[in-house]
């Protein structure tokens, strides 16, 4: 207890010494002494000007300083000199305070526009990390295909040139989007984006600066590691240029990995066959939320039942083509299962379930499973739905 009190005492003494050495401290002491002196002079000399009590003099000082006019008309010479000083002093101090406040709010606004202000009171938001050409189209597609993600829940994190960000956020449909400037692999920058309460994150290949492909993928892996450590419950999807980094992302507990280059190569190879694969893929990967490939929740009453029972409960126009297993934050569930196994080391069932979880893959698609396939928890349905034909 004595040691703690000694630390507190030293801290108090240190703060007092700092305050006494600060020139502003003596400036405010001088101002306070001047106001008190003027108030006392008026109280002693201006009895004929209806300043009869000390409170009348205090009121005269306050009104003269803030409003800039005399509540009472001074009569005596000392009172007039003191009141004139008070009037001039009030104008100077008030303009100084007003300037400081205006400067403070302007600084806050500039920091907000440049993405330097920490985001507060934001929960369940979506982080979009990185920048590249066509970014506006990416944002449009994200909003169109995810109706639940409104612009006010989107946070951009990148190091793109400020004029590009300003031009983007000036567009009417993007005005409510938040922006945080900085390296999305930096823990401090992520915390400014309030990552602790974020729900999902998408990391795209970052071309905001002249990075090599190796640097881009390395920063993506580093960002996933940082995000997983800060917010293990967040769903993370990341884009890679080189597939050799895929195993690093899986070790970092990335929930979804997008190998854009591989997809492009496969699409080009398929198009070479002259069978129209590219047109089919363009239709399936639609830019809206109501057509193409759709992934939807399965009602809980079908968990533990067969695939055929669920399929028979559905109706046109969307067609069931398969299941997506182990959806959501799969790696967090694996950690929860491990903790449960550690708390209950003698329960064979828990250990058995943990071993099963270790062998499963996150977001694993199973197309056209057999009719007797049993639907488990954390499974979603994969549908295909076309757009209405234009007559």
Protein backbone atom coordinates (compact mmCIF):
# COMPACT_ATOMS: atom_id res chain seq x y z
CA UNK A 1 0.00 0.00 0.00
CA UNK A 2 2.81 2.41 0.93
CA UNK A 3 4.60 1.64 -2.35
CA UNK A 4 1.45 2.44 -4.31
CA UNK A 5 0.93 5.71 -2.43
CA UNK A 6 4.57 6.63 -3.07
CA UNK A 7 4.07 6.19 -6.82
CA UNK A 8 0.90 8.29 -6.76
CA UNK A 9 2.68 11.02 -4.77
CA UNK A 10 5.58 11.12 -7.22
CA UNK A 11 3.16 11.35 -10.14
CA UNK A 12 1.29 14.26 -8.51
CA UNK A 13 4.53 16.13 -7.81
CA UNK A 14 5.71 15.54 -11.39
CA UNK A 15 2.44 16.91 -12.79
CA UNK A 16 2.62 19.98 -10.54
CA UNK A 17 6.18 20.73 -11.64
CA UNK A 18 5.20 20.36 -15.30
CA UNK A 19 2.23 22.70 -14.80
CA UNK A 20 4.38 25.34 -13.11
CA UNK A 21 6.96 25.23 -15.91
CA UNK A 22 4.29 25.61 -18.60
CA UNK A 23 4.10 29.29 -19.84
CA UNK A 24 0.35 28.92 -20.40
CA UNK A 25 -0.15 28.33 -16.71
CA UNK A 26 1.27 31.76 -15.86
CA UNK A 27 -0.67 33.34 -18.72
CA UNK A 28 -3.96 32.12 -17.25
CA UNK A 29 -2.82 33.16 -13.75
CA UNK A 30 -2.20 36.67 -15.09
CA UNK A 31 -5.62 36.77 -16.78
CA UNK A 32 -7.36 35.59 -13.61
CA UNK A 33 -5.50 38.17 -11.48
CA UNK A 34 -6.37 40.95 -13.96
CA UNK A 35 -10.08 40.03 -13.96
CA UNK A 36 -10.18 39.86 -10.19
CA UNK A 37 -8.40 43.25 -9.91
CA UNK A 38 -10.78 44.95 -12.35
CA UNK A 39 -13.80 43.42 -10.62
CA UNK A 40 -12.57 44.67 -7.23
CA UNK A 41 -11.81 48.20 -8.57
CA UNK A 42 -15.29 48.53 -10.03
CA UNK A 43 -16.83 47.25 -6.82
CA UNK A 44 -14.96 49.86 -4.73
CA UNK A 45 -15.30 52.87 -7.07
CA UNK A 46 -18.56 52.54 -9.00
CA UNK A 47 -21.16 52.75 -6.26
CA UNK A 48 -22.78 55.64 -8.11
CA UNK A 49 -23.11 53.47 -11.24
CA UNK A 50 -25.44 51.07 -9.35
CA UNK A 51 -22.64 48.59 -8.62
CA UNK A 52 -23.60 48.14 -5.01
CA UNK A 53 -22.56 44.55 -4.29
CA UNK A 54 -19.65 42.31 -5.22
CA UNK A 55 -22.03 40.18 -7.29
CA UNK A 56 -23.00 43.30 -9.33
CA UNK A 57 -19.32 43.85 -10.11
CA UNK A 58 -18.82 40.18 -11.06
CA UNK A 59 -21.86 40.37 -13.33
CA UNK A 60 -20.50 43.58 -14.94
CA UNK A 61 -17.16 41.82 -15.61
CA UNK A 62 -18.82 38.77 -17.18
CA UNK A 63 -21.14 40.77 -19.46
CA UNK A 64 -18.41 43.20 -20.56
CA UNK A 65 -15.97 40.38 -21.34
CA UNK A 66 -18.38 38.10 -23.22
CA UNK A 67 -20.96 40.47 -24.75
CA UNK A 68 -18.68 43.47 -25.31
CA UNK A 69 -20.92 46.18 -23.80
CA UNK A 70 -21.38 47.85 -20.39
CA UNK A 71 -24.22 46.63 -18.19
CA UNK A 72 -23.61 49.70 -15.98
CA UNK A 73 -22.16 53.02 -17.10
CA UNK A 74 -18.90 53.71 -15.15
CA UNK A 75 -18.62 57.18 -13.59
CA UNK A 76 -15.26 57.46 -11.88
CA UNK A 77 -11.91 57.69 -13.66
CA UNK A 78 -10.44 54.46 -12.15
CA UNK A 79 -13.68 52.65 -12.99
CA UNK A 80 -13.67 53.91 -16.59
CA UNK A 81 -10.01 52.93 -17.10
CA UNK A 82 -10.62 49.47 -15.58
CA UNK A 83 -13.79 49.01 -17.67
CA UNK A 84 -12.00 50.05 -20.87
CA UNK A 85 -9.21 47.54 -20.17
CA UNK A 86 -11.88 44.94 -19.49
CA UNK A 87 -13.62 45.66 -22.79
CA UNK A 88 -10.41 45.46 -24.83
CA UNK A 89 -9.25 42.41 -22.91
CA UNK A 90 -12.61 40.69 -23.43
CA UNK A 91 -12.47 41.26 -27.19
CA UNK A 92 -8.94 39.84 -27.40
CA UNK A 93 -9.59 36.80 -25.22
CA UNK A 94 -12.94 36.01 -26.84
CA UNK A 95 -11.44 36.20 -30.33
CA UNK A 96 -8.57 33.97 -29.19
CA UNK A 97 -10.95 31.37 -27.73
CA UNK A 98 -13.16 31.49 -30.82
CA UNK A 99 -10.12 31.05 -33.06
CA UNK A 100 -8.91 28.10 -31.01
CA UNK A 101 -12.32 26.40 -31.19
CA UNK A 102 -12.60 27.01 -34.94
CA UNK A 103 -9.07 25.67 -35.43
CA UNK A 104 -9.89 22.58 -33.35
CA UNK A 105 -13.02 21.71 -35.33
CA UNK A 106 -11.31 22.43 -38.65
CA UNK A 107 -8.45 20.16 -37.63
CA UNK A 108 -10.91 17.42 -36.70
CA UNK A 109 -12.69 17.75 -40.05
CA UNK A 110 -9.41 17.65 -41.98
CA UNK A 111 -8.26 14.57 -40.07
CA UNK A 112 -11.60 12.89 -40.76
CA UNK A 113 -11.37 13.63 -44.48
CA UNK A 114 -7.79 12.33 -44.58
CA UNK A 115 -8.74 9.17 -42.66
CA UNK A 116 -6.68 9.96 -39.57
CA UNK A 117 -9.51 10.01 -37.01
CA UNK A 118 -10.27 6.82 -35.05
CA UNK A 119 -13.74 5.43 -35.68
CA UNK A 120 -15.94 5.11 -32.62
CA UNK A 121 -19.40 3.69 -31.91
CA UNK A 122 -19.18 1.47 -35.00
CA UNK A 123 -20.19 -2.16 -34.63
CA UNK A 124 -20.74 -5.07 -37.00
CA UNK A 125 -19.06 -3.18 -39.85
CA UNK A 126 -17.26 -4.42 -42.96
CA UNK A 127 -13.57 -3.67 -43.62
CA UNK A 128 -12.39 -3.34 -47.22
CA UNK A 129 -8.59 -3.28 -47.24
CA UNK A 130 -6.39 -2.36 -50.20
CA UNK A 131 -6.73 -0.38 -53.40
CA UNK A 132 -6.39 -0.97 -57.12
CA UNK A 133 -7.73 0.29 -60.43
CA UNK A 134 -11.46 -0.31 -60.82
CA UNK A 135 -11.98 0.14 -57.08
CA UNK A 136 -15.25 2.02 -57.65
CA UNK A 137 -16.67 -1.00 -59.50
CA UNK A 138 -15.58 -3.31 -56.67
CA UNK A 139 -17.43 -1.12 -54.16
CA UNK A 140 -20.55 -1.06 -56.32
CA UNK A 141 -20.55 -4.85 -56.63
CA UNK A 142 -20.06 -5.33 -52.88
CA UNK A 143 -23.05 -3.09 -52.12
CA UNK A 144 -25.22 -4.68 -54.84
CA UNK A 145 -24.50 -8.29 -53.88
CA UNK A 146 -24.71 -7.71 -50.12
CA UNK A 147 -27.93 -5.80 -49.33
CA UNK A 148 -27.20 -6.09 -45.60
CA UNK A 149 -23.98 -4.08 -46.01
CA UNK A 150 -25.09 -0.47 -46.20
CA UNK A 151 -22.53 2.27 -47.05
CA UNK A 152 -22.45 3.50 -43.44
CA UNK A 153 -21.17 0.05 -42.39
CA UNK A 154 -18.26 0.01 -44.86
CA UNK A 155 -14.77 1.10 -43.77
CA UNK A 156 -12.02 1.54 -46.36
CA UNK A 157 -8.41 1.04 -45.20
CA UNK A 158 -5.64 1.85 -47.66
CA UNK A 159 -2.73 4.11 -48.57
CA UNK A 160 -4.20 5.36 -51.86
CA UNK A 161 -3.53 8.98 -52.94
CA UNK A 162 -5.82 11.36 -51.06
CA UNK A 163 -7.30 12.88 -54.24
CA UNK A 164 -8.54 9.46 -55.38
CA UNK A 165 -10.24 8.84 -52.04
CA UNK A 166 -11.77 12.32 -52.03
CA UNK A 167 -13.14 11.85 -55.56
CA UNK A 168 -14.59 8.48 -54.58
CA UNK A 169 -16.26 9.66 -51.37
CA UNK A 170 -17.66 12.74 -53.13
CA UNK A 171 -19.95 10.45 -55.13
CA UNK A 172 -23.47 10.52 -53.72
CA UNK A 173 -23.77 6.73 -53.29
CA UNK A 174 -20.50 6.56 -51.30
CA UNK A 175 -20.88 9.62 -49.05
CA UNK A 176 -21.63 7.58 -45.91
CA UNK A 177 -18.62 5.27 -46.31
CA UNK A 178 -15.90 5.62 -43.66
CA UNK A 179 -12.22 5.91 -44.49
CA UNK A 180 -9.05 5.14 -42.51
CA UNK A 181 -5.71 6.08 -44.04
CA UNK A 182 -2.69 3.87 -43.46
CA UNK A 183 -1.20 0.42 -43.88
CA UNK A 184 -3.93 -2.19 -43.27
CA UNK A 185 -1.26 -4.60 -42.01
CA UNK A 186 -0.45 -2.19 -39.15
CA UNK A 187 -2.16 -3.05 -35.86
CA UNK A 188 -2.58 0.60 -34.88
CA UNK A 189 -4.28 1.43 -38.18
CA UNK A 190 -6.63 -1.53 -37.76
CA UNK A 191 -7.54 -0.36 -34.27
CA UNK A 192 -8.35 3.09 -35.66
CA UNK A 193 -10.86 1.27 -37.87
CA UNK A 194 -12.36 -0.24 -34.68
CA UNK A 195 -11.54 -3.77 -35.86
CA UNK A 196 -12.43 -5.13 -32.42
CA UNK A 197 -16.14 -4.86 -33.25
CA UNK A 198 -15.96 -5.53 -37.01
CA UNK A 199 -17.90 -8.48 -38.44
CA UNK A 200 -16.18 -9.13 -41.77
CA UNK A 201 -13.10 -8.09 -43.72
CA UNK A 202 -12.07 -8.38 -47.35
CA UNK A 203 -8.42 -7.84 -48.32
CA UNK A 204 -7.83 -7.20 -52.02
CA UNK A 205 -4.44 -7.15 -53.75
CA UNK A 206 -3.12 -3.71 -52.85
CA UNK A 207 -1.71 -1.57 -55.68
CA UNK A 208 -1.92 1.76 -53.87
CA UNK A 209 1.88 1.96 -54.17
CA UNK A 210 4.47 0.38 -56.44
CA UNK A 211 4.61 -2.97 -54.64
CA UNK A 212 5.91 -6.15 -56.24
CA UNK A 213 3.60 -9.19 -56.34
CA UNK A 214 5.68 -10.76 -53.56
CA UNK A 215 5.27 -7.67 -51.36
CA UNK A 216 1.51 -7.52 -52.02
CA UNK A 217 0.93 -11.13 -50.97
CA UNK A 218 3.29 -10.83 -47.99
CA UNK A 219 1.37 -7.79 -46.70
CA UNK A 220 -1.91 -9.68 -47.19
CA UNK A 221 -0.65 -12.56 -45.03
CA UNK A 222 0.63 -10.14 -42.37
CA UNK A 223 -2.73 -8.33 -42.33
CA UNK A 224 -4.67 -11.59 -41.87
CA UNK A 225 -2.41 -12.56 -38.95
CA UNK A 226 -2.94 -9.16 -37.29
CA UNK A 227 -6.70 -9.27 -37.81
CA UNK A 228 -7.02 -12.81 -36.46
CA UNK A 229 -5.09 -11.88 -33.32
CA UNK A 230 -7.09 -8.72 -32.62
CA UNK A 231 -10.55 -10.08 -33.49
CA UNK A 232 -10.61 -13.89 -33.70
CA UNK A 233 -14.39 -13.88 -34.25
CA UNK A 234 -14.23 -11.86 -37.48
CA UNK A 235 -14.75 -13.50 -40.88
CA UNK A 236 -11.76 -12.77 -43.14
CA UNK A 237 -11.56 -13.19 -46.92
CA UNK A 238 -8.32 -12.38 -48.75
CA UNK A 239 -7.15 -12.19 -52.35
CA UNK A 240 -3.82 -13.68 -53.42
CA UNK A 241 -1.80 -13.24 -56.58
CA UNK A 242 0.44 -16.29 -56.10
CA UNK A 243 -1.06 -19.57 -54.88
CA UNK A 244 2.17 -20.50 -53.02
CA UNK A 245 1.02 -18.17 -50.22
CA UNK A 246 -2.24 -20.07 -49.79
CA UNK A 247 -0.88 -22.37 -47.09
CA UNK A 248 0.34 -19.33 -45.12
CA UNK A 249 -3.14 -17.83 -45.19
CA UNK A 250 -4.68 -21.10 -44.02
CA UNK A 251 -2.21 -21.22 -41.14
CA UNK A 252 -3.21 -17.62 -40.34
CA UNK A 253 -6.86 -18.80 -40.12
CA UNK A 254 -8.14 -16.98 -43.19
CA UNK A 255 -11.74 -18.09 -43.77
CA UNK A 256 -11.84 -17.57 -47.54
CA UNK A 257 -9.00 -17.33 -50.06
CA UNK A 258 -9.47 -15.86 -53.54
CA UNK A 259 -6.85 -16.88 -56.11
CA UNK A 260 -7.72 -14.32 -58.78
CA UNK A 261 -4.87 -15.14 -61.15
CA UNK A 262 -5.70 -18.86 -61.12
CA UNK A 263 -9.36 -18.08 -61.83
CA UNK A 264 -8.37 -15.88 -64.76
CA UNK A 265 -6.09 -18.56 -66.21
CA UNK A 266 -8.76 -21.27 -65.85
CA UNK A 267 -11.36 -19.04 -67.47
CA UNK A 268 -9.07 -18.31 -70.42
CA UNK A 269 -8.28 -22.01 -70.82
CA UNK A 270 -12.00 -22.88 -70.73
CA UNK A 271 -12.80 -20.21 -73.32
CA UNK A 272 -10.25 -21.74 -75.69
CA UNK A 273 -12.54 -24.78 -76.08
CA UNK A 274 -15.17 -22.71 -77.86
CA UNK A 275 -17.97 -24.01 -75.61
CA UNK A 276 -19.12 -20.70 -74.15
CA UNK A 277 -17.81 -21.30 -70.63
CA UNK A 278 -16.96 -17.65 -70.14
CA UNK A 279 -20.56 -16.59 -70.84
CA UNK A 280 -21.85 -19.17 -68.38
CA UNK A 281 -19.42 -18.02 -65.67
CA UNK A 282 -20.33 -14.37 -66.23
CA UNK A 283 -24.00 -15.24 -65.72
CA UNK A 284 -23.34 -17.35 -62.62
CA UNK A 285 -21.12 -14.71 -60.98
CA UNK A 286 -23.79 -12.03 -61.16
CA UNK A 287 -23.43 -8.45 -59.94
CA UNK A 288 -26.71 -8.46 -58.03
CA UNK A 289 -28.07 -10.31 -55.01
CA UNK A 290 -31.04 -12.02 -56.71
CA UNK A 291 -29.51 -14.04 -59.54
CA UNK A 292 -26.55 -16.24 -60.39
CA UNK A 293 -25.04 -18.40 -57.64
CA UNK A 294 -26.81 -17.76 -54.32
CA UNK A 295 -25.76 -19.02 -50.90
CA UNK A 296 -28.50 -18.99 -48.28
CA UNK A 297 -29.09 -20.21 -44.73
CA UNK A 298 -30.79 -23.54 -44.18
CA UNK A 299 -33.68 -23.53 -41.65
CA UNK A 300 -32.54 -25.14 -38.40
CA UNK A 301 -35.30 -27.77 -38.55
CA UNK A 302 -33.46 -29.45 -41.44
CA UNK A 303 -30.22 -29.93 -39.48
CA UNK A 304 -29.82 -33.66 -38.90
CA UNK A 305 -32.12 -34.50 -41.81
CA UNK A 306 -31.33 -35.75 -45.30
CA UNK A 307 -30.49 -33.70 -48.35
CA UNK A 308 -33.52 -35.07 -50.23
CA UNK A 309 -35.94 -33.89 -47.49
CA UNK A 310 -34.60 -30.37 -47.72
CA UNK A 311 -34.60 -30.39 -51.54
CA UNK A 312 -38.26 -31.49 -51.69
CA UNK A 313 -39.27 -28.59 -49.43
CA UNK A 314 -38.01 -26.04 -52.00
CA UNK A 315 -39.82 -24.56 -54.96
CA UNK A 316 -38.99 -22.84 -58.26
CA UNK A 317 -37.44 -20.46 -59.43
CA UNK A 318 -34.17 -21.09 -57.58
CA UNK A 319 -32.61 -24.53 -57.99
CA UNK A 320 -30.60 -26.29 -55.26
CA UNK A 321 -27.25 -27.56 -56.57
CA UNK A 322 -25.36 -28.41 -53.38
CA UNK A 323 -24.26 -27.52 -49.86
CA UNK A 324 -21.55 -25.33 -48.36
CA UNK A 325 -20.09 -27.00 -45.26
CA UNK A 326 -18.45 -25.43 -42.20
CA UNK A 327 -19.47 -21.86 -42.93
CA UNK A 328 -18.92 -18.78 -40.79
CA UNK A 329 -15.86 -18.31 -38.64
CA UNK A 330 -14.76 -21.94 -38.77
CA UNK A 331 -11.37 -21.36 -37.14
CA UNK A 332 -12.98 -19.67 -34.14
CA UNK A 333 -15.26 -22.69 -33.65
CA UNK A 334 -12.17 -24.90 -33.78
CA UNK A 335 -10.60 -22.83 -30.98
CA UNK A 336 -13.82 -23.06 -28.94
CA UNK A 337 -13.84 -26.84 -29.39
CA UNK A 338 -10.21 -27.02 -28.23
CA UNK A 339 -10.99 -24.97 -25.11
CA UNK A 340 -13.94 -27.23 -24.36
CA UNK A 341 -11.73 -30.31 -24.74
CA UNK A 342 -9.17 -28.79 -22.38
CA UNK A 343 -11.84 -28.03 -19.77
CA UNK A 344 -13.26 -31.56 -20.07
CA UNK A 345 -10.26 -33.82 -20.75
CA UNK A 346 -12.12 -36.97 -19.70
CA UNK A 347 -15.11 -36.55 -22.00
CA UNK A 348 -14.49 -38.78 -25.00
CA UNK A 349 -17.30 -37.22 -27.00
CA UNK A 350 -15.75 -33.77 -26.86
CA UNK A 351 -12.36 -35.08 -27.92
CA UNK A 352 -13.96 -37.05 -30.74
CA UNK A 353 -15.79 -33.99 -31.99
CA UNK A 354 -12.56 -31.99 -31.82
CA UNK A 355 -10.78 -34.58 -33.97
CA UNK A 356 -13.59 -34.37 -36.51
CA UNK A 357 -13.34 -30.59 -36.62
CA UNK A 358 -9.59 -30.78 -37.25
CA UNK A 359 -10.15 -32.87 -40.39
CA UNK A 360 -12.79 -30.58 -41.90
CA UNK A 361 -12.17 -27.68 -44.26
CA UNK A 362 -13.67 -24.22 -43.93
CA UNK A 363 -16.41 -23.27 -46.44
CA UNK A 364 -16.19 -26.57 -48.29
CA UNK A 365 -18.65 -26.86 -51.22
CA UNK A 366 -20.31 -30.22 -51.93
CA UNK A 367 -22.21 -30.22 -55.24
CA UNK A 368 -25.17 -32.58 -55.80
CA UNK A 369 -24.59 -34.75 -52.71
CA UNK A 370 -26.45 -38.10 -52.45
CA UNK A 371 -30.07 -37.99 -51.26
CA UNK A 372 -29.22 -39.66 -47.94
CA UNK A 373 -26.53 -37.09 -47.08
CA UNK A 374 -27.19 -35.71 -43.58
CA UNK A 375 -27.17 -31.93 -43.24
CA UNK A 376 -25.12 -30.77 -40.24
CA UNK A 377 -25.01 -27.45 -38.40
CA UNK A 378 -23.12 -24.50 -39.93
CA UNK A 379 -24.14 -25.68 -43.40
CA UNK A 380 -25.64 -23.42 -46.06
CA UNK A 381 -27.41 -24.13 -49.33
CA UNK A 382 -26.05 -23.34 -52.80
CA UNK A 383 -28.65 -22.26 -55.36
CA UNK A 384 -28.69 -21.13 -58.96
CA UNK A 385 -31.24 -18.57 -60.07
CA UNK A 386 -31.52 -16.84 -63.43
CA UNK A 387 -32.60 -13.33 -64.29
CA UNK A 388 -36.02 -12.86 -65.91
CA UNK A 389 -35.84 -13.21 -69.68
CA UNK A 390 -36.16 -9.97 -71.61
CA UNK A 391 -38.89 -10.27 -74.26
